[in-house]
């Protein structure tokens, strides 16, 4: 599944260009801070396997006003490097590669 170009941002990690995107509006569970924020990353030139990263933060646009740190390019680069070490091959075809970093996320009650 390829990322939509509109709203995606370009990032270069270790000499390779990627595009990443954070959903503008949270899902229902993210809006209520029941589930953490996620973002997607793919190779910029030859998209193949998409990387789906689950963070430890609530979505920045959650509806209940829970404090959240923004997703920064440095965090995206760190996630790409970690996923590459864990076996993500961005140009290979296949289903999404999930990188779950949500340990420590506490859902709102």
C-alpha atoms as a PDB file:
ATOM      1  CA  UNK A   1       0.000   0.000   0.000  1.00  0.00           C
ATOM      2  CA  UNK A   2       1.545   3.289  -1.097  1.00  0.00           C
ATOM      3  CA  UNK A   3       1.376   6.529   0.857  1.00  0.00           C
ATOM      4  CA  UNK A   4      -0.636   9.419  -0.479  1.00  0.00           C
ATOM      5  CA  UNK A   5       1.773  12.081  -1.727  1.00  0.00           C
ATOM      6  CA  UNK A   6      -0.359  14.930  -0.440  1.00  0.00           C
ATOM      7  CA  UNK A   7       0.522  15.599   3.173  1.00  0.00           C
ATOM      8  CA  UNK A   8       3.621  13.401   3.181  1.00  0.00           C
ATOM      9  CA  UNK A   9       7.038  14.779   4.064  1.00  0.00           C
ATOM     10  CA  UNK A  10      10.391  13.876   2.580  1.00  0.00           C
ATOM     11  CA  UNK A  11      13.272  12.796   4.791  1.00  0.00           C
ATOM     12  CA  UNK A  12      16.747  11.528   3.958  1.00  0.00           C
ATOM     13  CA  UNK A  13      18.150   8.889   6.307  1.00  0.00           C
ATOM     14  CA  UNK A  14      21.725   7.708   5.776  1.00  0.00           C
ATOM     15  CA  UNK A  15      21.672   8.895   2.153  1.00  0.00           C
ATOM     16  CA  UNK A  16      18.337   7.282   1.215  1.00  0.00           C
ATOM     17  CA  UNK A  17      15.183   9.331   0.592  1.00  0.00           C
ATOM     18  CA  UNK A  18      11.915   8.324   2.250  1.00  0.00           C
ATOM     19  CA  UNK A  19       8.456   9.834   2.565  1.00  0.00           C
ATOM     20  CA  UNK A  20       6.571   9.767   5.846  1.00  0.00           C
ATOM     21  CA  UNK A  21       3.101  10.771   6.896  1.00  0.00           C
ATOM     22  CA  UNK A  22       1.194  11.261  10.116  1.00  0.00           C
ATOM     23  CA  UNK A  23      -2.574  11.153   9.941  1.00  0.00           C
ATOM     24  CA  UNK A  24      -3.875  14.721  10.304  1.00  0.00           C
ATOM     25  CA  UNK A  25      -6.991  13.743  12.163  1.00  0.00           C
ATOM     26  CA  UNK A  26      -6.796  11.027  14.782  1.00  0.00           C
ATOM     27  CA  UNK A  27      -8.807   7.838  14.577  1.00  0.00           C
ATOM     28  CA  UNK A  28     -11.614   7.557  17.138  1.00  0.00           C
ATOM     29  CA  UNK A  29      -9.431   5.592  19.580  1.00  0.00           C
ATOM     30  CA  UNK A  30      -6.504   7.983  19.076  1.00  0.00           C
ATOM     31  CA  UNK A  31      -8.802  10.974  19.564  1.00  0.00           C
ATOM     32  CA  UNK A  32      -9.824   9.647  22.973  1.00  0.00           C
ATOM     33  CA  UNK A  33      -6.182   8.755  23.739  1.00  0.00           C
ATOM     34  CA  UNK A  34      -7.054   5.073  24.042  1.00  0.00           C
ATOM     35  CA  UNK A  35      -4.414   4.101  21.474  1.00  0.00           C
ATOM     36  CA  UNK A  36      -1.053   5.682  20.606  1.00  0.00           C
ATOM     37  CA  UNK A  37      -0.114   7.767  17.603  1.00  0.00           C
ATOM     38  CA  UNK A  38       1.124   5.985  14.472  1.00  0.00           C
ATOM     39  CA  UNK A  39       2.881   7.146  11.332  1.00  0.00           C
ATOM     40  CA  UNK A  40       3.856   5.523   8.041  1.00  0.00           C
ATOM     41  CA  UNK A  41       7.143   5.593   6.115  1.00  0.00           C
ATOM     42  CA  UNK A  42       8.024   4.369   2.623  1.00  0.00           C
ATOM     43  CA  UNK A  43      10.935   4.560   0.189  1.00  0.00           C
ATOM     44  CA  UNK A  44      10.592   7.758  -1.872  1.00  0.00           C
ATOM     45  CA  UNK A  45      11.614   6.402  -5.275  1.00  0.00           C
ATOM     46  CA  UNK A  46      10.567   2.750  -5.294  1.00  0.00           C
ATOM     47  CA  UNK A  47       7.858   2.232  -2.682  1.00  0.00           C
ATOM     48  CA  UNK A  48       7.454  -1.350  -1.633  1.00  0.00           C
ATOM     49  CA  UNK A  49       6.940  -2.467   1.955  1.00  0.00           C
ATOM     50  CA  UNK A  50       5.465   0.324   4.090  1.00  0.00           C
ATOM     51  CA  UNK A  51       6.766   0.835   7.620  1.00  0.00           C
ATOM     52  CA  UNK A  52       4.057   1.455  10.238  1.00  0.00           C
ATOM     53  CA  UNK A  53       5.445   2.891  13.478  1.00  0.00           C
ATOM     54  CA  UNK A  54       3.433   2.943  16.693  1.00  0.00           C
ATOM     55  CA  UNK A  55       4.782   5.560  19.116  1.00  0.00           C
ATOM     56  CA  UNK A  56       4.560   5.942  22.891  1.00  0.00           C
ATOM     57  CA  UNK A  57       2.662   9.239  22.589  1.00  0.00           C
ATOM     58  CA  UNK A  58      -1.012  10.046  22.105  1.00  0.00           C
ATOM     59  CA  UNK A  59      -1.938  11.691  18.796  1.00  0.00           C
ATOM     60  CA  UNK A  60      -1.054  15.422  18.934  1.00  0.00           C
ATOM     61  CA  UNK A  61      -4.643  16.289  17.913  1.00  0.00           C
ATOM     62  CA  UNK A  62      -6.373  14.139  20.522  1.00  0.00           C
ATOM     63  CA  UNK A  63      -9.767  15.458  21.617  1.00  0.00           C
ATOM     64  CA  UNK A  64      -9.325  15.333  25.367  1.00  0.00           C
ATOM     65  CA  UNK A  65      -6.322  17.639  25.541  1.00  0.00           C
ATOM     66  CA  UNK A  66      -3.817  15.034  26.669  1.00  0.00           C
ATOM     67  CA  UNK A  67      -0.244  16.309  26.405  1.00  0.00           C
ATOM     68  CA  UNK A  68       1.591  14.913  23.389  1.00  0.00           C
ATOM     69  CA  UNK A  69       4.971  15.522  21.847  1.00  0.00           C
ATOM     70  CA  UNK A  70       4.977  16.170  18.095  1.00  0.00           C
ATOM     71  CA  UNK A  71       6.422  13.574  15.733  1.00  0.00           C
ATOM     72  CA  UNK A  72       9.751  15.048  14.695  1.00  0.00           C
ATOM     73  CA  UNK A  73      11.919  14.136  11.708  1.00  0.00           C
ATOM     74  CA  UNK A  74      14.634  12.991  14.129  1.00  0.00           C
ATOM     75  CA  UNK A  75      12.175  10.479  15.607  1.00  0.00           C
ATOM     76  CA  UNK A  76      11.203   9.278  12.145  1.00  0.00           C
ATOM     77  CA  UNK A  77      14.876   8.822  11.211  1.00  0.00           C
ATOM     78  CA  UNK A  78      15.516   6.854  14.408  1.00  0.00           C
ATOM     79  CA  UNK A  79      12.504   4.616  13.680  1.00  0.00           C
ATOM     80  CA  UNK A  80      13.727   3.994  10.109  1.00  0.00           C
ATOM     81  CA  UNK A  81      17.187   2.999  11.357  1.00  0.00           C
ATOM     82  CA  UNK A  82      15.720   0.670  13.990  1.00  0.00           C
ATOM     83  CA  UNK A  83      13.340  -0.927  11.481  1.00  0.00           C
ATOM     84  CA  UNK A  84      16.211  -1.495   9.046  1.00  0.00           C
ATOM     85  CA  UNK A  85      18.163  -3.279  11.811  1.00  0.00           C
ATOM     86  CA  UNK A  86      15.088  -5.420  12.534  1.00  0.00           C
ATOM     87  CA  UNK A  87      14.683  -6.525   8.932  1.00  0.00           C
ATOM     88  CA  UNK A  88      12.577  -3.929   7.105  1.00  0.00           C
ATOM     89  CA  UNK A  89      13.423  -3.844   3.396  1.00  0.00           C
ATOM     90  CA  UNK A  90      11.644  -0.749   2.041  1.00  0.00           C
ATOM     91  CA  UNK A  91      11.946  -1.592  -1.665  1.00  0.00           C
ATOM     92  CA  UNK A  92      10.793  -5.217  -1.366  1.00  0.00           C
ATOM     93  CA  UNK A  93       7.138  -5.958  -2.100  1.00  0.00           C
ATOM     94  CA  UNK A  94       5.031  -7.225   0.734  1.00  0.00           C
ATOM     95  CA  UNK A  95       2.658  -6.327   3.507  1.00  0.00           C
ATOM     96  CA  UNK A  96       3.408  -3.552   5.968  1.00  0.00           C
ATOM     97  CA  UNK A  97       6.284  -3.925   8.421  1.00  0.00           C
ATOM     98  CA  UNK A  98       5.123  -2.974  11.910  1.00  0.00           C
ATOM     99  CA  UNK A  99       7.466  -1.361  14.417  1.00  0.00           C
ATOM    100  CA  UNK A 100       5.757  -1.196  17.794  1.00  0.00           C
ATOM    101  CA  UNK A 101       7.387   1.264  20.194  1.00  0.00           C
ATOM    102  CA  UNK A 102       4.293   1.730  22.327  1.00  0.00           C
ATOM    103  CA  UNK A 103       5.712   0.147  25.497  1.00  0.00           C
ATOM    104  CA  UNK A 104       4.988   2.638  28.247  1.00  0.00           C
ATOM    105  CA  UNK A 105       1.890   4.147  26.624  1.00  0.00           C
ATOM    106  CA  UNK A 106      -0.874   4.595  29.183  1.00  0.00           C
ATOM    107  CA  UNK A 107      -4.342   4.979  27.689  1.00  0.00           C
ATOM    108  CA  UNK A 108      -6.659   7.578  29.161  1.00  0.00           C
ATOM    109  CA  UNK A 109      -9.568   6.275  31.182  1.00  0.00           C
END
